Each structure stands twice: as structure tokens, then as C-alpha cells.
Protein backbone atom coordinates (compact mmCIF):
# COMPACT_ATOMS: atom_id res chain seq x y z
CA MET A 1 -2.82 -23.03 11.92
CA ASN A 2 0.64 -22.14 10.60
CA ALA A 3 1.72 -21.12 7.11
CA CYS A 4 4.94 -20.51 5.23
CA ILE A 5 5.32 -18.39 2.08
CA ILE A 6 8.07 -19.26 -0.40
CA THR A 7 9.01 -16.98 -3.28
CA ILE A 8 11.07 -18.65 -6.01
CA GLY A 9 13.18 -16.63 -8.42
CA ASP A 10 16.78 -15.49 -8.89
CA GLU A 11 15.48 -12.09 -10.01
CA ILE A 12 14.30 -11.44 -6.44
CA LEU A 13 17.55 -12.55 -4.81
CA ILE A 14 19.69 -10.30 -7.01
CA GLY A 15 17.47 -7.31 -6.27
CA GLN A 16 16.09 -7.02 -9.79
CA THR A 17 12.48 -7.58 -8.70
CA LEU A 18 10.80 -6.55 -5.45
CA ASP A 19 8.84 -9.30 -3.70
CA THR A 20 5.46 -7.67 -3.08
CA ASN A 21 3.66 -11.02 -3.31
CA SER A 22 4.69 -12.29 0.12
CA GLN A 23 3.51 -9.18 1.91
CA TRP A 24 0.14 -9.29 0.16
CA ILE A 25 -0.36 -13.03 0.72
CA SER A 26 0.62 -12.69 4.38
CA ASP A 27 -1.94 -9.94 4.87
CA GLN A 28 -4.66 -12.10 3.30
CA LEU A 29 -3.79 -15.11 5.45
CA THR A 30 -3.60 -13.07 8.64
CA THR A 31 -7.12 -11.75 8.13
CA LYS A 32 -8.27 -15.39 8.08
CA GLY A 33 -6.61 -16.11 11.42
CA ILE A 34 -3.68 -18.03 9.90
CA ASN A 35 -0.28 -17.55 11.52
CA VAL A 36 2.40 -16.82 8.94
CA LYS A 37 5.56 -18.20 10.54
CA GLU A 38 8.01 -17.57 7.75
CA MET A 39 8.49 -15.82 4.41
CA ILE A 40 11.43 -17.01 2.30
CA SER A 41 12.93 -16.05 -1.06
CA ILE A 42 14.97 -18.81 -2.71
CA SER A 43 16.80 -19.47 -5.96
CA ASP A 44 15.68 -21.36 -9.06
CA GLU A 45 17.76 -24.39 -8.05
CA LYS A 46 16.07 -27.75 -7.69
CA GLU A 47 18.04 -28.91 -4.64
CA HIS A 48 17.44 -25.62 -2.85
CA ILE A 49 13.70 -25.83 -3.57
CA LEU A 50 13.50 -29.46 -2.44
CA LYS A 51 15.36 -28.73 0.79
CA THR A 52 13.14 -25.73 1.55
CA LEU A 53 9.95 -27.65 0.76
CA SER A 54 11.01 -30.50 3.04
CA ARG A 55 11.65 -28.22 6.00
CA CYS A 56 8.64 -25.92 5.53
CA SER A 57 6.14 -28.73 4.94
CA SER A 58 7.24 -30.45 8.15
CA GLU A 59 6.74 -27.27 10.19
CA ASN A 60 3.53 -25.84 8.69
CA ASP A 61 -0.03 -26.77 7.81
CA ILE A 62 0.10 -24.96 4.50
CA VAL A 63 2.95 -23.82 2.26
CA LEU A 64 2.24 -21.21 -0.41
CA ILE A 65 4.71 -20.88 -3.29
CA THR A 66 4.94 -18.20 -5.98
CA GLY A 67 7.09 -18.20 -9.09
CA GLY A 68 8.64 -20.69 -11.48
CA LEU A 69 5.50 -21.78 -13.36
CA GLY A 70 6.32 -20.19 -16.72
CA PRO A 71 7.13 -22.03 -19.96
CA THR A 72 10.90 -21.37 -19.98
CA ASN A 73 13.72 -23.70 -18.97
CA ASP A 74 14.41 -21.89 -15.68
CA ASP A 75 10.81 -22.35 -14.52
CA ILE A 76 11.23 -25.57 -12.58
CA THR A 77 8.73 -25.28 -9.70
CA LYS A 78 6.22 -27.71 -11.23
CA LEU A 79 8.86 -30.35 -12.00
CA THR A 80 10.33 -29.99 -8.52
CA LEU A 81 6.92 -30.32 -6.84
CA SER A 82 6.33 -33.43 -8.93
CA GLU A 83 9.56 -34.95 -7.65
CA PHE A 84 8.98 -33.82 -4.04
CA THR A 85 5.51 -35.36 -3.84
CA GLY A 86 6.39 -38.45 -5.89
CA SER A 87 3.64 -37.66 -8.40
CA GLU A 88 4.44 -37.75 -12.12
CA LEU A 89 3.30 -35.04 -14.51
CA GLN A 90 0.08 -35.71 -16.37
CA PHE A 91 -1.30 -34.02 -19.47
CA ARG A 92 -4.56 -32.19 -18.72
CA PRO A 93 -6.69 -31.79 -21.90
CA GLU A 94 -8.99 -29.25 -20.25
CA ILE A 95 -6.03 -26.99 -19.44
CA PHE A 96 -4.67 -27.36 -22.97
CA ASP A 97 -8.06 -26.37 -24.41
CA GLY A 98 -7.99 -23.30 -22.19
CA LEU A 99 -4.51 -22.41 -23.43
CA LYS A 100 -5.60 -22.71 -27.06
CA LYS A 101 -8.55 -20.38 -26.45
CA TYR A 102 -6.28 -17.93 -24.59
CA PHE A 103 -3.89 -17.65 -27.54
CA GLU A 104 -6.60 -17.68 -30.22
CA LYS A 105 -8.34 -14.79 -28.51
CA ARG A 106 -5.09 -12.80 -28.77
CA ASN A 107 -4.30 -13.92 -32.34
CA LYS A 108 -1.10 -15.64 -31.22
CA ASP A 109 0.36 -19.06 -31.93
CA LEU A 110 0.55 -21.66 -29.15
CA ILE A 111 4.10 -23.01 -29.23
CA GLU A 112 5.41 -26.28 -27.78
CA LYS A 113 6.80 -24.59 -24.66
CA ASN A 114 3.32 -23.27 -23.85
CA ARG A 115 1.92 -26.77 -24.37
CA SER A 116 4.11 -27.91 -21.45
CA GLN A 117 1.95 -25.75 -19.16
CA ALA A 118 -0.89 -28.24 -19.65
CA TYR A 119 1.08 -30.83 -17.63
CA LEU A 120 0.46 -30.97 -13.86
CA PRO A 121 1.34 -33.54 -11.16
CA VAL A 122 -1.28 -36.28 -10.94
CA ASN A 123 -2.08 -35.39 -7.33
CA ALA A 124 -2.55 -31.67 -8.07
CA ILE A 125 -5.89 -29.88 -8.19
CA ALA A 126 -5.64 -27.30 -10.96
CA ILE A 127 -6.47 -23.71 -10.03
CA PRO A 128 -7.57 -21.73 -13.11
CA ASN A 129 -5.57 -18.68 -14.15
CA HIS A 130 -7.93 -16.10 -15.63
CA ARG A 131 -5.12 -13.57 -16.15
CA GLY A 132 -2.39 -15.71 -17.74
CA THR A 133 -1.31 -19.14 -18.96
CA ALA A 134 0.16 -20.87 -15.88
CA SER A 135 -2.34 -22.86 -13.83
CA GLY A 136 -2.01 -22.87 -10.07
CA MET A 137 -1.83 -26.10 -8.07
CA TRP A 138 -3.28 -27.36 -4.79
CA ILE A 139 -1.47 -30.49 -3.57
CA GLU A 140 -2.16 -32.34 -0.33
CA HIS A 141 0.98 -34.18 0.73
CA ASP A 142 1.88 -35.74 4.11
CA GLN A 143 -0.59 -33.71 6.20
CA THR A 144 0.47 -30.46 4.51
CA VAL A 145 -1.17 -28.46 1.76
CA LEU A 146 1.21 -27.18 -0.92
CA VAL A 147 -0.13 -24.33 -3.05
CA SER A 148 1.77 -23.15 -6.12
CA MET A 149 0.92 -19.92 -7.94
CA PRO A 150 2.44 -17.76 -10.69
CA GLY A 151 4.79 -15.00 -9.62
CA VAL A 152 3.00 -12.31 -11.64
CA PRO A 153 1.14 -10.29 -8.95
CA THR A 154 -2.08 -9.77 -10.94
CA GLU A 155 -2.34 -13.48 -11.73
CA MET A 156 -1.49 -14.53 -8.18
CA LYS A 157 -3.98 -12.17 -6.53
CA ASN A 158 -6.84 -13.33 -8.75
CA MET A 159 -5.97 -16.95 -8.00
CA MET A 160 -5.77 -16.34 -4.24
CA LEU A 161 -9.50 -15.58 -4.16
CA VAL A 162 -10.15 -19.23 -4.99
CA ILE A 163 -7.38 -20.51 -2.74
CA LEU A 164 -8.70 -18.63 0.30
CA GLN A 165 -12.09 -20.27 -0.23
CA MET A 166 -10.43 -23.68 -0.44
CA ILE A 167 -8.50 -22.99 2.78
CA GLU A 168 -11.71 -22.01 4.59
CA GLU A 169 -13.43 -25.18 3.42
CA LYS A 170 -10.60 -27.50 4.47
CA PHE A 171 -9.45 -25.98 7.77
CA ASP A 172 -11.28 -25.04 10.95
CA LEU A 173 -10.10 -21.43 11.19
CA PRO A 174 -10.48 -19.20 14.24
CA CYS A 175 -12.85 -16.23 14.19
CA ILE A 176 -10.83 -13.04 13.83
CA VAL A 177 -11.85 -9.40 13.35
CA PHE A 178 -9.51 -6.57 12.31
CA LYS A 179 -9.86 -2.83 12.13
CA HIS A 180 -7.20 -0.36 11.06
CA VAL A 181 -7.31 3.13 12.56
CA LEU A 182 -5.32 5.53 10.37
CA THR A 183 -3.44 8.46 11.88
CA ALA A 184 -1.22 11.19 10.43
CA SER A 185 1.16 13.91 11.62
CA ILE A 186 1.93 12.25 14.95
CA ALA A 187 5.02 10.15 15.68
CA GLU A 188 4.74 6.50 16.69
CA ALA A 189 6.53 7.13 20.02
CA ILE A 190 4.15 9.97 20.93
CA LEU A 191 1.15 7.84 19.97
CA SER A 192 2.42 4.99 22.10
CA ASP A 193 2.89 7.30 25.06
CA GLN A 194 -0.61 8.75 24.71
CA LEU A 195 -2.13 5.28 24.36
CA GLN A 196 -0.28 3.55 27.19
CA GLU A 197 -3.27 3.53 29.52
CA PHE A 198 -5.56 2.52 26.64
CA GLU A 199 -3.36 -0.50 25.88
CA GLU A 200 -3.24 -1.55 29.51
CA GLN A 201 -7.06 -1.71 29.75
CA LEU A 202 -7.59 -3.65 26.50
CA PRO A 203 -9.50 -6.94 26.88
CA LYS A 204 -7.20 -9.96 26.71
CA HIS A 205 -8.65 -11.08 23.36
CA VAL A 206 -8.00 -7.67 21.73
CA LYS A 207 -4.50 -6.68 20.60
CA LEU A 208 -3.10 -3.36 19.35
CA ALA A 209 -0.24 -3.09 16.83
CA TYR A 210 1.57 0.00 15.53
CA LEU A 211 2.36 0.03 11.79
CA PRO A 212 4.30 3.22 10.95
CA ASN A 213 4.84 4.65 7.49
CA LEU A 214 5.98 8.04 6.19
CA GLY A 215 4.08 10.62 8.23
CA GLN A 216 1.41 8.09 9.15
CA VAL A 217 0.86 5.38 11.74
CA LYS A 218 -1.70 2.64 11.18
CA LEU A 219 -3.13 1.24 14.40
CA ARG A 220 -4.36 -2.32 13.95
CA LEU A 221 -6.89 -3.66 16.42
CA THR A 222 -7.27 -7.45 16.33
CA ALA A 223 -9.86 -9.49 18.20
CA LYS A 224 -9.95 -13.29 18.30
CA GLY A 225 -12.79 -15.43 19.61
CA ASP A 226 -15.78 -17.54 18.61
CA ASP A 227 -18.39 -15.02 17.45
CA SER A 228 -17.64 -12.41 14.78
CA ALA A 229 -20.60 -10.18 15.68
CA SER A 230 -19.50 -9.99 19.31
CA LEU A 231 -15.89 -9.37 18.29
CA SER A 232 -16.92 -6.56 15.93
CA LYS A 233 -18.76 -4.87 18.81
CA ASP A 234 -15.68 -5.19 20.99
CA ILE A 235 -13.51 -3.62 18.29
CA ASP A 236 -15.97 -0.77 17.70
CA ARG A 237 -16.04 -0.07 21.44
CA GLU A 238 -12.24 0.24 21.53
CA VAL A 239 -12.23 2.46 18.42
CA GLN A 240 -14.57 4.89 20.19
CA LYS A 241 -12.11 5.03 23.07
CA LEU A 242 -9.28 5.74 20.63
CA LYS A 243 -11.26 8.59 19.10
CA SER A 244 -11.68 10.21 22.50
CA ILE A 245 -7.90 10.13 23.05
CA ILE A 246 -6.33 10.83 19.63
CA GLY A 247 -9.35 11.83 17.54
CA LYS A 248 -7.72 14.88 15.94
CA HIS A 249 -5.00 12.68 14.44
CA ILE A 250 -7.37 10.02 13.01
CA PHE A 251 -8.16 10.61 9.36
CA GLY A 252 -9.79 7.31 8.43
CA TYR A 253 -10.11 3.56 8.75
CA ASN A 254 -8.98 0.44 6.87
CA ASP A 255 -8.45 1.33 3.18
CA ASP A 256 -9.02 5.09 3.45
CA THR A 257 -6.37 7.48 2.15
CA LEU A 258 -5.55 11.06 3.07
CA ALA A 259 -6.26 12.24 -0.45
CA GLY A 260 -9.54 10.35 -0.49
CA LYS A 261 -10.75 11.72 2.85
CA LEU A 262 -9.77 15.27 1.86
CA GLY A 263 -11.64 14.78 -1.40
CA LEU A 264 -14.79 13.70 0.43
CA LEU A 265 -14.67 16.82 2.60
CA LEU A 266 -14.36 19.03 -0.47
CA LEU A 267 -17.05 17.13 -2.34
CA ASN A 268 -19.53 17.29 0.53
CA GLU A 269 -18.99 21.03 0.91
CA GLN A 270 -18.92 21.63 -2.86
CA LYS A 271 -15.55 23.35 -2.56
CA SER A 272 -12.53 23.24 -4.85
CA LEU A 273 -8.78 22.83 -4.39
CA ALA A 274 -5.61 23.71 -6.31
CA THR A 275 -1.91 23.16 -5.62
CA ALA A 276 1.30 25.07 -6.30
CA GLU A 277 4.26 22.73 -6.01
CA SER A 278 7.97 23.30 -6.16
CA CYS A 279 10.01 20.58 -4.41
CA THR A 280 7.32 17.91 -4.80
CA GLY A 281 7.12 18.33 -8.58
CA GLY A 282 3.43 17.47 -8.84
CA TYR A 283 3.40 14.56 -6.39
CA ILE A 284 0.66 16.13 -4.26
CA ALA A 285 -1.51 16.56 -7.35
CA HIS A 286 -0.75 12.95 -8.27
CA GLN A 287 -2.07 11.80 -4.90
CA ILE A 288 -5.21 13.89 -5.30
CA THR A 289 -5.94 12.79 -8.86
CA SER A 290 -5.40 9.11 -8.00
CA ILE A 291 -8.89 9.31 -6.48
CA ALA A 292 -11.71 8.59 -8.92
CA GLY A 293 -14.01 11.59 -9.28
CA SER A 294 -11.40 14.12 -8.15
CA SER A 295 -12.22 16.30 -11.16
CA SER A 296 -15.33 17.34 -9.23
CA TYR A 297 -13.24 19.30 -6.73
CA PHE A 298 -9.65 19.57 -7.99
CA LYS A 299 -8.99 22.58 -10.21
CA GLY A 300 -5.42 21.76 -11.09
CA SER A 301 -1.78 22.25 -10.17
CA LEU A 302 1.17 24.39 -11.17
CA ILE A 303 4.68 23.01 -10.79
CA ALA A 304 6.51 26.24 -9.99
CA TYR A 305 9.94 24.68 -9.89
CA SER A 306 11.93 27.72 -10.99
CA ASN A 307 11.88 31.17 -9.44
CA GLU A 308 10.91 32.53 -12.86
CA ILE A 309 7.63 30.55 -12.82
CA LYS A 310 7.01 31.58 -9.23
CA THR A 311 7.30 35.26 -10.11
CA SER A 312 5.82 35.34 -13.62
CA ILE A 313 2.80 33.05 -13.16
CA LEU A 314 2.13 32.90 -9.42
CA LYS A 315 3.09 36.58 -9.01
CA VAL A 316 5.49 35.97 -6.14
CA LYS A 317 7.39 39.24 -5.61
CA GLU A 318 11.03 39.10 -6.68
CA GLU A 319 11.99 41.04 -3.57
CA THR A 320 10.35 38.35 -1.43
CA ILE A 321 12.57 35.67 -2.95
CA VAL A 322 15.66 37.88 -2.75
CA ARG A 323 15.04 38.77 0.89
CA TYR A 324 13.73 35.50 2.29
CA GLY A 325 14.66 32.89 -0.33
CA ALA A 326 12.59 30.56 -2.50
CA VAL A 327 12.28 28.22 0.47
CA SER A 328 10.61 30.43 3.03
CA ILE A 329 7.30 30.96 4.75
CA GLU A 330 6.94 34.30 2.98
CA THR A 331 7.45 32.85 -0.52
CA VAL A 332 5.09 29.94 0.07
CA GLU A 333 2.42 32.31 1.35
CA GLU A 334 2.62 34.30 -1.89
CA MET A 335 2.63 31.07 -3.94
CA LEU A 336 -0.57 30.06 -2.19
CA LYS A 337 -2.23 33.40 -2.85
CA GLY A 338 -1.10 33.15 -6.47
CA ILE A 339 -2.54 29.70 -7.13
CA LEU A 340 -5.87 30.69 -5.58
CA GLU A 341 -6.02 33.75 -7.82
CA LEU A 342 -4.87 31.84 -10.90
CA THR A 343 -7.35 28.96 -10.60
CA GLY A 344 -10.23 30.49 -8.69
CA ALA A 345 -10.14 27.53 -6.25
CA ASP A 346 -11.67 27.86 -2.79
CA TYR A 347 -8.68 26.26 -1.08
CA GLY A 348 -5.03 25.79 -1.93
CA ILE A 349 -1.83 23.98 -1.02
CA ALA A 350 1.63 25.41 -1.72
CA VAL A 351 5.02 23.86 -1.00
CA SER A 352 8.65 24.80 -1.52
CA GLY A 353 11.69 23.11 -0.07
CA ILE A 354 15.10 21.53 -0.42
CA ALA A 355 14.42 17.88 -1.16
CA GLY A 356 18.12 17.03 -1.53
CA PRO A 357 20.54 15.47 -1.71
CA THR A 358 22.19 18.76 -2.70
CA GLY A 359 21.14 22.39 -2.43
CA GLY A 360 21.19 22.75 1.34
CA SER A 361 23.05 25.30 3.41
CA GLU A 362 23.91 25.78 7.05
CA GLU A 363 20.89 28.05 7.45
CA LYS A 364 18.57 25.85 5.38
CA PRO A 365 19.84 22.25 5.28
CA VAL A 366 18.47 19.50 3.07
CA GLY A 367 15.00 18.60 4.28
CA THR A 368 13.92 22.18 4.94
CA ILE A 369 10.37 22.31 3.61
CA CYS A 370 7.73 25.05 3.84
CA ILE A 371 4.11 23.93 3.52
CA GLY A 372 1.17 26.26 3.22
CA VAL A 373 -2.58 25.60 3.18
CA GLY A 374 -5.49 27.97 3.21
CA SER A 375 -8.11 30.08 1.51
CA ARG A 376 -8.45 33.71 0.49
CA ASP A 377 -9.51 34.56 4.03
CA LYS A 378 -6.94 32.62 6.01
CA ILE A 379 -3.53 31.11 5.25
CA TYR A 380 -1.40 28.86 7.43
CA VAL A 381 2.28 28.23 6.55
CA LYS A 382 4.79 26.21 8.56
CA GLN A 383 8.45 25.36 8.04
CA HIS A 384 9.41 21.71 8.62
CA GLN A 385 12.77 20.01 8.98
CA LEU A 386 12.37 16.61 7.36
CA LEU A 387 14.87 14.02 6.07
CA LYS A 388 18.01 13.75 3.91
CA ASP A 389 16.55 11.49 1.21
CA ARG A 390 15.00 13.15 -1.84
CA MET A 391 12.13 10.75 -2.57
CA LEU A 392 11.28 10.34 1.09
CA ASN A 393 11.09 14.11 1.44
CA ILE A 394 8.78 14.37 -1.57
CA LYS A 395 6.44 11.70 -0.21
CA LEU A 396 6.53 12.97 3.37
CA THR A 397 5.85 16.53 2.23
CA SER A 398 2.82 15.29 0.33
CA THR A 399 1.50 13.48 3.41
CA ILE A 400 1.96 16.51 5.65
CA ALA A 401 0.44 18.85 3.07
CA LEU A 402 -2.67 16.73 2.54
CA ASP A 403 -3.20 16.22 6.26
CA SER A 404 -2.65 19.92 6.97
CA MET A 405 -5.23 20.81 4.33
CA ARG A 406 -7.65 18.26 5.76
CA LYS A 407 -7.28 19.66 9.28
CA PHE A 408 -7.53 23.24 8.04
CA LEU A 409 -10.74 22.49 6.16
CA LYS A 410 -12.26 20.69 9.15
CA ARG A 411 -11.47 23.67 11.40
CA GLN A 412 -13.08 26.04 8.92
CA LEU A 413 -16.20 23.89 8.78
CA GLU A 414 -16.39 23.76 12.56
CA LEU A 415 -16.03 27.55 12.80
CA HIS A 416 -18.48 28.22 9.98
CA PRO A 417 -21.05 25.41 9.90
CA LYS A 418 -23.76 25.48 7.26
């Protein structure tokens, strides 16, 4: 079964809005065994929409459309779908009643433009919008299903829950099982080299894909067949093989995060963590505190951006900075000792670097980052040469720091089990 995703909106084409909808929808469809053949962004022009609908509906079993369902004059998706399917717009009293309740609940007036949202093509099945005012539409036309949804991500995602159920009821979908194996601090090329023999022995119905991101590579195992229980066993068997080959680089599965897995380790051992950040400006702490319940193990963070804060609060020696520089293994080691003393945490992370785009030198170019992790008993600091982009360096430093802390903590637990 093939699908096409169409995003409608000039704001996407001019770069004003990032299209995150298509990626999310594609992921949802793929997990159902639906082949997404194309993702397109097009303008708010009727002829362009009609032409795209004509081509995509002739090549796919289902076409999913986002955008253009609002009450303003440039929202023409509904009118265009009406023309394309030859189905006139019809007033839906039940939708209008829902709109009235929506606005009454918010103490707002329902204006005439909002009333227009109660009109849908006669051949459309209305899909309720529990997060907004624009109803979705399910239209069956010439052997193809056309699905239209709002462009607002929160509204679209809520609506897709219903749409996925409708797709499963209408189509005979293949049985497909996924598992994502999450790795960090190992390059995609090195992973591929280490897993060459593993890939060669994979069963024909199991596929491996590499999905790299900053400092991480997600390995996606996909199995297709007739029985989900059997496929799940096949996937689990291959995951065990992966663990025997690259186990030290695997930090989690599916929706796990580095910060979340580190937090679980700390929580289980009843240990605490603190961070001293210079070049990352609190980004590492942001990652840690994005996890619900992190207050149980995270003491806090100090953004020691200036040398004055490093020396006055973290007690880094001035002579250390003068001799080795603010970006040095020696300075980061003292920052780490300082944050442990300041907060009383069991473990700490400290970073200092040149994120860029300026500030580099021949000796220490942009992307020079020192990352330290450790405890009062043992500290490990390493200098890294990363990238030239400021935000990428901040994010990559955070990934490396969290994974280094995770690995350090695991080693300590292995050396000193309870």
C-alpha cells in the first residue's frame, strides 16, 4: 500500500515555517506497514493543488494533506477538494454546534468566517478536531482515499489517532514490527564496519537501517511477515546479537533518551548529579531537567561562562587559567571539583570550549571542547575537536557529556557493586 503526504502552505515554501508534520505522519504510516512514496510541499494556489492531487491520487492508495483548513481567505484546501472530487460543500449542523460550544467555552464570539468551517464536501466523512476549530476530512474518490487535516501539529497529531484506526479498518495492512536500538559516541561508518557480518547474516525478512544524528546513531530493525509474535521474537533475537557486538555503545531502545537513561541509573543508585557549564550555557542541565522527576537526583547547575565565575564560585585557580587557558583539561578538572564541592553532588559534569564561530586560535580552533565527568574519587577529562557551527557544538557537547557520564557511572557500578 502506497501513500503520499502533501503539505499546503506558502509559509513553508518561503522558509517561514518548518514542516515537521510530514516527518511525523510518515513515521506513523511506516509503523503500519504503509510505503510513503512521496512528501511534497506546495503553494496555496488552487491550480497547483488540483494538479498535485490529480497526480498523487493516481499513483497512491491514500493521500494525506495538511494545511489550508482555516477560516481565512487563503485557506482554500476544502474548496479545492470539493472541486477536485465534484462534491459541493454542505452545511453540517453538528459541526456548527461544536464550533459554538468551542467558542462559548472560551468566552469568544463565533464570527461568520468561523461559521464557514461548518461546511464540508458532501462526500466527506468529518473527523472531529478536539484541539481546534477545523474539522478533518476523509474522502473516498476514484479508488483513492484523500485525508485532509489542519496544519497545526497538535491538532493534526490528535486527529491522526482516529485516521490510523480508519486506515486499519479499510485496508489489509501487512504485519510489521520495528525496534530502534540507540547508540552514542560511535560514528556511523565505524558502526557499519563493525556490523557488516551481522548485516550479512540477517534473515531476509529483517532489515537494518542507520539513522544518524548528532553524536548518536539509531539502528532500526524492521521485520515484515504474517505473525507479529513471531516477528517480535525474530527482532529480539537480532537485538541480542547486536548487544554482543556493540553493547557498550547502546544506551537504550525506541523512545529512550540519554538524559533519561542517565537519570534512571542515578535514581536506582540513589545518587545525585550537578553540572558546571561554560560553552553549553546550561544546555546539558536543560536536557537533564526535561525528564520528569529529575529533581530526585539533579542538584543543579552553574553556568560559569566568565573566568571570574570560574575562579570566584567554582574556585578554579587563576594560575590554572593563565597557564593552560579557560578551555583546557586542567581548568575543566578544577571546574568539576568545584561544582561537586559547591553542590555536594555525588557526580558531576563540567564543560568548557570554543563553540564558535569566533574565538578560536591556531592552537585551539573553533570546536575545541573539554568535557569532564566524575566524582570526588575519580575524574575523567577529555579534549574533543568538534565542529564549526555554534549550536551544533552546544548540542553535540551535551550528547557527549551525558553519554560520558552514563558510561562513567556504569563503570563505577561494575567496579563497586552493591
